[in-house]
Amino acid sequence: MSGRGVWLRARARLRRFPAALAACGDQAAAYGRCVAAAAAGPAELRRDACLEEFQALRECFARAVRPCPG
């Protein structure tokens, strides 16, 4: 059994990434600002520090790559 199908599906998902990122620029920027601000201080970056922003970005990506009904 070949893993070729797995790689083909992964490449197909990666080809959609630039369009998804372009569609979710505001959410990506908000997440980036949050991570940068959380990492800028003397304390270590903590898990879930930017969870709200990450979830918004993840939901936007899911909407952007979802096939159009029709």
N, C-alpha and C. Protein backbone atom coordinates (compact mmCIF):
# COMPACT_ATOMS: atom_id res chain seq x y z
N MET A 1 0.84 -1.18 0.00
CA MET A 1 0.00 0.00 0.00
C MET A 1 0.89 1.24 0.00
N SER A 2 0.60 2.16 -0.87
CA SER A 2 1.42 3.34 -1.06
C SER A 2 0.87 4.51 -0.24
N GLY A 3 1.77 5.38 0.17
CA GLY A 3 1.37 6.59 0.87
C GLY A 3 1.18 7.76 -0.08
N ARG A 4 1.20 7.47 -1.38
CA ARG A 4 1.11 8.54 -2.37
C ARG A 4 -0.17 9.37 -2.20
N GLY A 5 -1.29 8.72 -1.94
CA GLY A 5 -2.55 9.44 -1.77
C GLY A 5 -2.50 10.44 -0.63
N VAL A 6 -1.81 10.07 0.43
CA VAL A 6 -1.67 10.97 1.58
C VAL A 6 -0.92 12.23 1.16
N TRP A 7 0.16 12.07 0.42
CA TRP A 7 0.94 13.22 -0.01
C TRP A 7 0.17 14.08 -1.00
N LEU A 8 -0.60 13.47 -1.86
CA LEU A 8 -1.40 14.24 -2.81
C LEU A 8 -2.43 15.10 -2.09
N ARG A 9 -3.07 14.53 -1.08
CA ARG A 9 -4.05 15.30 -0.30
C ARG A 9 -3.36 16.43 0.48
N ALA A 10 -2.18 16.14 1.04
CA ALA A 10 -1.45 17.17 1.79
C ALA A 10 -1.04 18.31 0.87
N ARG A 11 -0.56 18.00 -0.31
CA ARG A 11 -0.17 19.04 -1.25
C ARG A 11 -1.38 19.87 -1.68
N ALA A 12 -2.51 19.21 -1.86
CA ALA A 12 -3.72 19.95 -2.24
C ALA A 12 -4.12 20.93 -1.15
N ARG A 13 -4.02 20.51 0.10
CA ARG A 13 -4.34 21.42 1.21
C ARG A 13 -3.35 22.58 1.26
N LEU A 14 -2.08 22.31 1.05
CA LEU A 14 -1.07 23.36 1.09
C LEU A 14 -1.25 24.36 -0.04
N ARG A 15 -1.72 23.92 -1.18
CA ARG A 15 -1.96 24.85 -2.29
C ARG A 15 -3.08 25.83 -1.96
N ARG A 16 -4.01 25.44 -1.11
CA ARG A 16 -5.11 26.33 -0.73
C ARG A 16 -4.72 27.32 0.35
N PHE A 17 -3.58 27.08 1.02
CA PHE A 17 -3.20 27.89 2.17
C PHE A 17 -3.04 29.38 1.84
N PRO A 18 -2.34 29.78 0.75
CA PRO A 18 -2.20 31.22 0.49
C PRO A 18 -3.54 31.95 0.35
N ALA A 19 -4.50 31.32 -0.31
CA ALA A 19 -5.82 31.96 -0.46
C ALA A 19 -6.52 32.06 0.89
N ALA A 20 -6.40 31.03 1.71
CA ALA A 20 -7.02 31.05 3.03
C ALA A 20 -6.38 32.13 3.90
N LEU A 21 -5.06 32.25 3.82
CA LEU A 21 -4.37 33.27 4.60
C LEU A 21 -4.77 34.67 4.14
N ALA A 22 -4.91 34.85 2.84
CA ALA A 22 -5.34 36.15 2.32
C ALA A 22 -6.75 36.49 2.79
N ALA A 23 -7.61 35.48 2.85
CA ALA A 23 -8.99 35.71 3.28
C ALA A 23 -9.08 35.98 4.78
N CYS A 24 -8.06 35.57 5.52
CA CYS A 24 -8.09 35.69 6.98
C CYS A 24 -7.00 36.62 7.50
N GLY A 25 -6.67 37.62 6.72
CA GLY A 25 -5.59 38.53 7.09
C GLY A 25 -5.80 39.25 8.41
N ASP A 26 -7.02 39.69 8.68
CA ASP A 26 -7.29 40.41 9.93
C ASP A 26 -7.09 39.50 11.14
N GLN A 27 -7.60 38.26 11.05
CA GLN A 27 -7.46 37.32 12.16
C GLN A 27 -6.00 36.91 12.34
N ALA A 28 -5.27 36.72 11.24
CA ALA A 28 -3.86 36.36 11.33
C ALA A 28 -3.06 37.49 11.97
N ALA A 29 -3.37 38.72 11.60
CA ALA A 29 -2.67 39.86 12.18
C ALA A 29 -2.97 39.99 13.67
N ALA A 30 -4.21 39.78 14.06
CA ALA A 30 -4.57 39.87 15.48
C ALA A 30 -3.85 38.79 16.29
N TYR A 31 -3.79 37.58 15.74
CA TYR A 31 -3.09 36.50 16.43
C TYR A 31 -1.59 36.81 16.52
N GLY A 32 -1.01 37.30 15.45
CA GLY A 32 0.41 37.66 15.46
C GLY A 32 0.72 38.75 16.47
N ARG A 33 -0.15 39.77 16.53
CA ARG A 33 0.05 40.85 17.52
C ARG A 33 -0.03 40.30 18.94
N CYS A 34 -0.97 39.41 19.18
CA CYS A 34 -1.13 38.84 20.51
C CYS A 34 0.10 38.03 20.92
N VAL A 35 0.58 37.19 20.01
CA VAL A 35 1.76 36.37 20.31
C VAL A 35 2.98 37.27 20.53
N ALA A 36 3.15 38.28 19.69
CA ALA A 36 4.28 39.19 19.84
C ALA A 36 4.23 39.92 21.17
N ALA A 37 3.04 40.37 21.55
CA ALA A 37 2.90 41.08 22.82
C ALA A 37 3.14 40.15 24.00
N ALA A 38 2.65 38.92 23.91
CA ALA A 38 2.81 37.97 25.01
C ALA A 38 4.26 37.53 25.15
N ALA A 39 5.00 37.51 24.05
CA ALA A 39 6.38 37.06 24.09
C ALA A 39 7.36 38.19 24.34
N ALA A 40 6.90 39.43 24.31
CA ALA A 40 7.80 40.58 24.42
C ALA A 40 8.30 40.82 25.84
N GLY A 41 7.55 40.40 26.82
CA GLY A 41 7.93 40.66 28.20
C GLY A 41 8.99 39.70 28.69
N PRO A 42 9.40 39.88 29.94
CA PRO A 42 10.43 39.01 30.51
C PRO A 42 9.93 37.60 30.81
N ALA A 43 8.62 37.44 30.93
CA ALA A 43 8.06 36.12 31.23
C ALA A 43 8.00 35.28 29.96
N GLU A 44 7.94 33.98 30.14
CA GLU A 44 7.83 33.07 29.00
C GLU A 44 6.42 33.14 28.41
N LEU A 45 6.34 32.81 27.14
CA LEU A 45 5.05 32.73 26.47
C LEU A 45 4.29 31.56 27.07
N ARG A 46 3.08 31.79 27.50
CA ARG A 46 2.29 30.76 28.17
C ARG A 46 1.28 30.16 27.22
N ARG A 47 1.03 28.89 27.42
CA ARG A 47 0.04 28.18 26.62
C ARG A 47 -1.32 28.86 26.79
N ASP A 48 -2.07 28.93 25.72
CA ASP A 48 -3.41 29.51 25.69
C ASP A 48 -3.43 31.01 25.96
N ALA A 49 -2.27 31.67 25.89
CA ALA A 49 -2.24 33.11 26.10
C ALA A 49 -3.05 33.83 25.02
N CYS A 50 -3.07 33.28 23.82
CA CYS A 50 -3.77 33.90 22.70
C CYS A 50 -4.82 32.95 22.13
N LEU A 51 -5.44 32.21 23.00
CA LEU A 51 -6.39 31.18 22.57
C LEU A 51 -7.57 31.77 21.79
N GLU A 52 -8.10 32.88 22.25
CA GLU A 52 -9.25 33.49 21.58
C GLU A 52 -8.90 33.90 20.15
N GLU A 53 -7.75 34.52 19.98
CA GLU A 53 -7.31 34.94 18.65
C GLU A 53 -7.01 33.73 17.76
N PHE A 54 -6.41 32.69 18.34
CA PHE A 54 -6.11 31.49 17.57
C PHE A 54 -7.39 30.81 17.09
N GLN A 55 -8.37 30.73 17.97
CA GLN A 55 -9.63 30.09 17.59
C GLN A 55 -10.33 30.88 16.48
N ALA A 56 -10.27 32.20 16.55
CA ALA A 56 -10.87 33.02 15.49
C ALA A 56 -10.15 32.77 14.16
N LEU A 57 -8.84 32.66 14.18
CA LEU A 57 -8.07 32.39 12.96
C LEU A 57 -8.39 30.99 12.43
N ARG A 58 -8.47 30.03 13.31
CA ARG A 58 -8.78 28.66 12.91
C ARG A 58 -10.16 28.56 12.28
N GLU A 59 -11.14 29.22 12.86
CA GLU A 59 -12.50 29.22 12.30
C GLU A 59 -12.52 29.90 10.93
N CYS A 60 -11.76 30.97 10.79
CA CYS A 60 -11.70 31.67 9.50
C CYS A 60 -11.07 30.76 8.45
N PHE A 61 -9.99 30.08 8.78
CA PHE A 61 -9.37 29.13 7.85
C PHE A 61 -10.36 28.05 7.45
N ALA A 62 -11.10 27.53 8.41
CA ALA A 62 -12.07 26.47 8.11
C ALA A 62 -13.13 26.97 7.14
N ARG A 63 -13.60 28.20 7.34
CA ARG A 63 -14.59 28.77 6.42
C ARG A 63 -13.98 29.02 5.04
N ALA A 64 -12.72 29.45 5.01
CA ALA A 64 -12.08 29.79 3.73
C ALA A 64 -11.81 28.57 2.86
N VAL A 65 -11.56 27.42 3.47
CA VAL A 65 -11.23 26.24 2.67
C VAL A 65 -12.43 25.32 2.47
N ARG A 66 -13.53 25.63 3.11
CA ARG A 66 -14.75 24.82 2.96
C ARG A 66 -15.25 24.94 1.53
N PRO A 67 -15.57 23.82 0.90
CA PRO A 67 -16.11 23.90 -0.46
C PRO A 67 -17.42 24.66 -0.48
N CYS A 68 -17.62 25.41 -1.53
CA CYS A 68 -18.86 26.18 -1.67
C CYS A 68 -20.02 25.23 -1.95
N PRO A 69 -21.16 25.45 -1.28
CA PRO A 69 -22.32 24.60 -1.57
C PRO A 69 -22.86 24.93 -2.96
N GLY A 70 -23.30 23.93 -3.60
CA GLY A 70 -23.86 24.26 -4.88
C GLY A 70 -23.75 23.15 -5.81
